[in-house]
Amino acid sequence: MIFAVDPGREKVGTVLYRVGEGILERRVLSRDEFPTYLSSVDNRFGVDLILIGNGTGSDYIKDLAIKKEKRFSLVSEVKSTEEARKLFFAGNPPKGLKKLVPRGLLTPRVEIDDYAAEVILLRFLKKYAEKEGV
């Protein structure tokens, strides 16, 4: 089980991924809720690897991974918010008159930190596939 995390000062976006099944769960949590959620996910599924966006708040998540003796990998967050918006609108296309507005000008109607965690996951999987020659 791979647990991708987009850390922030106040919020944490998460995606839980299993090879062959895809994304099982996505959440946006307060930073205070995260340790309890990580324990819950680990108890339910068993976390093999935590992918951590290397931006703001990454040290906090990294310290939790070390404390819980979990393998982790830091993944670049450069432009992850822009990619997260694209992912959000790909799965939730605008409706009505908003269809006429360029997507780059639209603001998602919900928090997209979980989509940023998905970006972190996709970057890791792409890098892993390239490394393995898949």
Protein backbone atom coordinates (compact mmCIF):
# COMPACT_ATOMS: atom_id res chain seq x y z
CA MET A 1 0.00 0.00 0.00
CA ILE A 2 1.33 3.42 -0.96
CA PHE A 3 0.24 6.48 0.99
CA ALA A 4 0.90 9.78 -0.82
CA VAL A 5 0.87 12.98 1.23
CA ASP A 6 0.77 16.64 0.23
CA PRO A 7 1.79 18.35 3.48
CA GLY A 8 0.98 21.93 4.36
CA ARG A 9 1.02 24.27 7.33
CA GLU A 10 -2.66 23.74 8.16
CA LYS A 11 -3.97 21.02 5.80
CA VAL A 12 -2.71 17.69 4.53
CA GLY A 13 -3.91 16.07 1.32
CA THR A 14 -3.72 12.29 1.13
CA VAL A 15 -4.21 9.50 -1.38
CA LEU A 16 -4.15 5.80 -0.58
CA TYR A 17 -3.06 3.65 -3.53
CA ARG A 18 -2.77 -0.08 -4.11
CA VAL A 19 -1.05 -1.50 -7.19
CA GLY A 20 -3.60 -3.18 -9.42
CA GLU A 21 -6.54 -1.43 -7.75
CA GLY A 22 -5.66 2.25 -8.04
CA ILE A 23 -6.71 4.96 -5.63
CA LEU A 24 -8.74 3.54 -2.76
CA GLU A 25 -9.23 6.68 -0.71
CA ARG A 26 -8.51 10.40 -0.82
CA ARG A 27 -8.84 12.95 1.95
CA VAL A 28 -8.04 16.50 2.98
CA LEU A 29 -7.39 16.72 6.71
CA SER A 30 -6.22 19.28 9.20
CA ARG A 31 -2.60 18.80 10.19
CA ASP A 32 -3.79 17.88 13.70
CA GLU A 33 -5.99 15.06 12.34
CA PHE A 34 -3.22 13.54 10.25
CA PRO A 35 -1.36 11.38 12.85
CA THR A 36 -4.60 9.63 13.88
CA TYR A 37 -5.59 9.11 10.24
CA LEU A 38 -2.16 7.69 9.38
CA SER A 39 -2.48 5.19 12.25
CA SER A 40 -5.99 4.25 11.10
CA VAL A 41 -4.88 3.70 7.49
CA ASP A 42 -1.89 1.68 8.62
CA ASN A 43 -4.07 -0.51 10.85
CA ARG A 44 -6.68 -1.07 8.11
CA PHE A 45 -4.43 -1.57 5.12
CA GLY A 46 -0.78 -1.69 6.17
CA VAL A 47 1.25 1.15 4.72
CA ASP A 48 4.37 -0.03 2.87
CA LEU A 49 5.59 3.35 1.64
CA ILE A 50 4.76 6.98 2.38
CA LEU A 51 5.36 9.46 -0.44
CA ILE A 52 5.87 12.94 0.96
CA GLY A 53 5.77 16.16 -1.03
CA ASN A 54 9.02 17.94 -0.25
CA GLY A 55 7.53 21.40 0.33
CA THR A 56 6.08 23.15 3.35
CA GLY A 57 5.33 20.79 6.23
CA SER A 58 7.33 17.88 4.85
CA ASP A 59 9.59 17.64 7.93
CA TYR A 60 6.55 17.09 10.14
CA ILE A 61 5.34 14.17 7.99
CA LYS A 62 8.86 12.78 7.63
CA ASP A 63 9.28 12.80 11.43
CA LEU A 64 5.98 10.91 11.82
CA ALA A 65 7.10 8.31 9.27
CA ILE A 66 10.38 7.82 11.13
CA LYS A 67 8.58 7.59 14.48
CA LYS A 68 6.23 4.92 13.06
CA GLU A 69 9.18 3.15 11.37
CA LYS A 70 7.68 3.54 7.91
CA ARG A 71 9.63 3.71 4.66
CA PHE A 72 9.23 7.05 2.94
CA SER A 73 10.36 8.91 -0.14
CA LEU A 74 10.41 12.66 -0.75
CA VAL A 75 8.88 13.74 -4.06
CA SER A 76 9.13 17.14 -5.73
CA GLU A 77 6.13 19.43 -5.31
CA VAL A 78 7.19 21.92 -7.99
CA LYS A 79 4.03 23.12 -9.78
CA SER A 80 1.95 20.41 -8.12
CA THR A 81 -0.92 22.83 -7.45
CA GLU A 82 -1.27 23.61 -11.16
CA GLU A 83 -1.24 19.90 -12.00
CA ALA A 84 -3.74 19.22 -9.21
CA ARG A 85 -6.14 21.75 -10.76
CA LYS A 86 -5.87 19.99 -14.11
CA LEU A 87 -6.59 16.62 -12.47
CA PHE A 88 -9.55 18.08 -10.59
CA PHE A 89 -11.14 19.60 -13.68
CA ALA A 90 -10.44 16.48 -15.76
CA GLY A 91 -12.61 14.51 -13.33
CA ASN A 92 -15.02 17.35 -12.55
CA PRO A 93 -15.51 19.33 -15.76
CA PRO A 94 -17.14 22.76 -15.48
CA LYS A 95 -20.83 23.00 -16.26
CA GLY A 96 -23.07 25.68 -17.67
CA LEU A 97 -21.45 29.00 -18.52
CA LYS A 98 -18.26 27.98 -16.68
CA LYS A 99 -17.53 25.68 -19.63
CA LEU A 100 -16.74 28.82 -21.62
CA VAL A 101 -14.13 30.05 -19.13
CA PRO A 102 -10.58 28.82 -19.74
CA ARG A 103 -9.79 26.21 -17.06
CA GLY A 104 -6.65 28.08 -16.05
CA LEU A 105 -8.87 30.90 -14.83
CA LEU A 106 -11.27 28.70 -12.86
CA THR A 107 -10.91 28.02 -9.17
CA PRO A 108 -12.00 24.60 -7.91
CA ARG A 109 -15.03 24.75 -5.64
CA VAL A 110 -13.39 22.42 -3.10
CA GLU A 111 -9.96 22.01 -1.51
CA ILE A 112 -7.67 20.12 -3.89
CA ASP A 113 -4.88 19.06 -1.55
CA ASP A 114 -5.85 15.42 -2.19
CA TYR A 115 -5.35 16.01 -5.91
CA ALA A 116 -1.90 17.44 -5.11
CA ALA A 117 -1.20 14.18 -3.23
CA GLU A 118 -2.28 12.33 -6.39
CA VAL A 119 0.21 14.40 -8.39
CA ILE A 120 2.93 13.33 -5.94
CA LEU A 121 1.87 9.71 -6.40
CA LEU A 122 1.83 9.97 -10.21
CA ARG A 123 5.29 11.57 -10.26
CA PHE A 124 6.69 8.76 -8.13
CA LEU A 125 5.05 6.05 -10.24
CA LYS A 126 6.31 7.64 -13.45
CA LYS A 127 9.86 7.88 -12.09
CA TYR A 128 9.69 4.28 -10.84
CA ALA A 129 8.40 3.02 -14.20
CA GLU A 130 11.19 4.86 -16.04
CA LYS A 131 13.79 3.45 -13.66
CA GLU A 132 12.44 -0.09 -14.09
CA GLY A 133 12.06 0.31 -17.84
CA VAL A 134 8.34 -0.39 -17.71
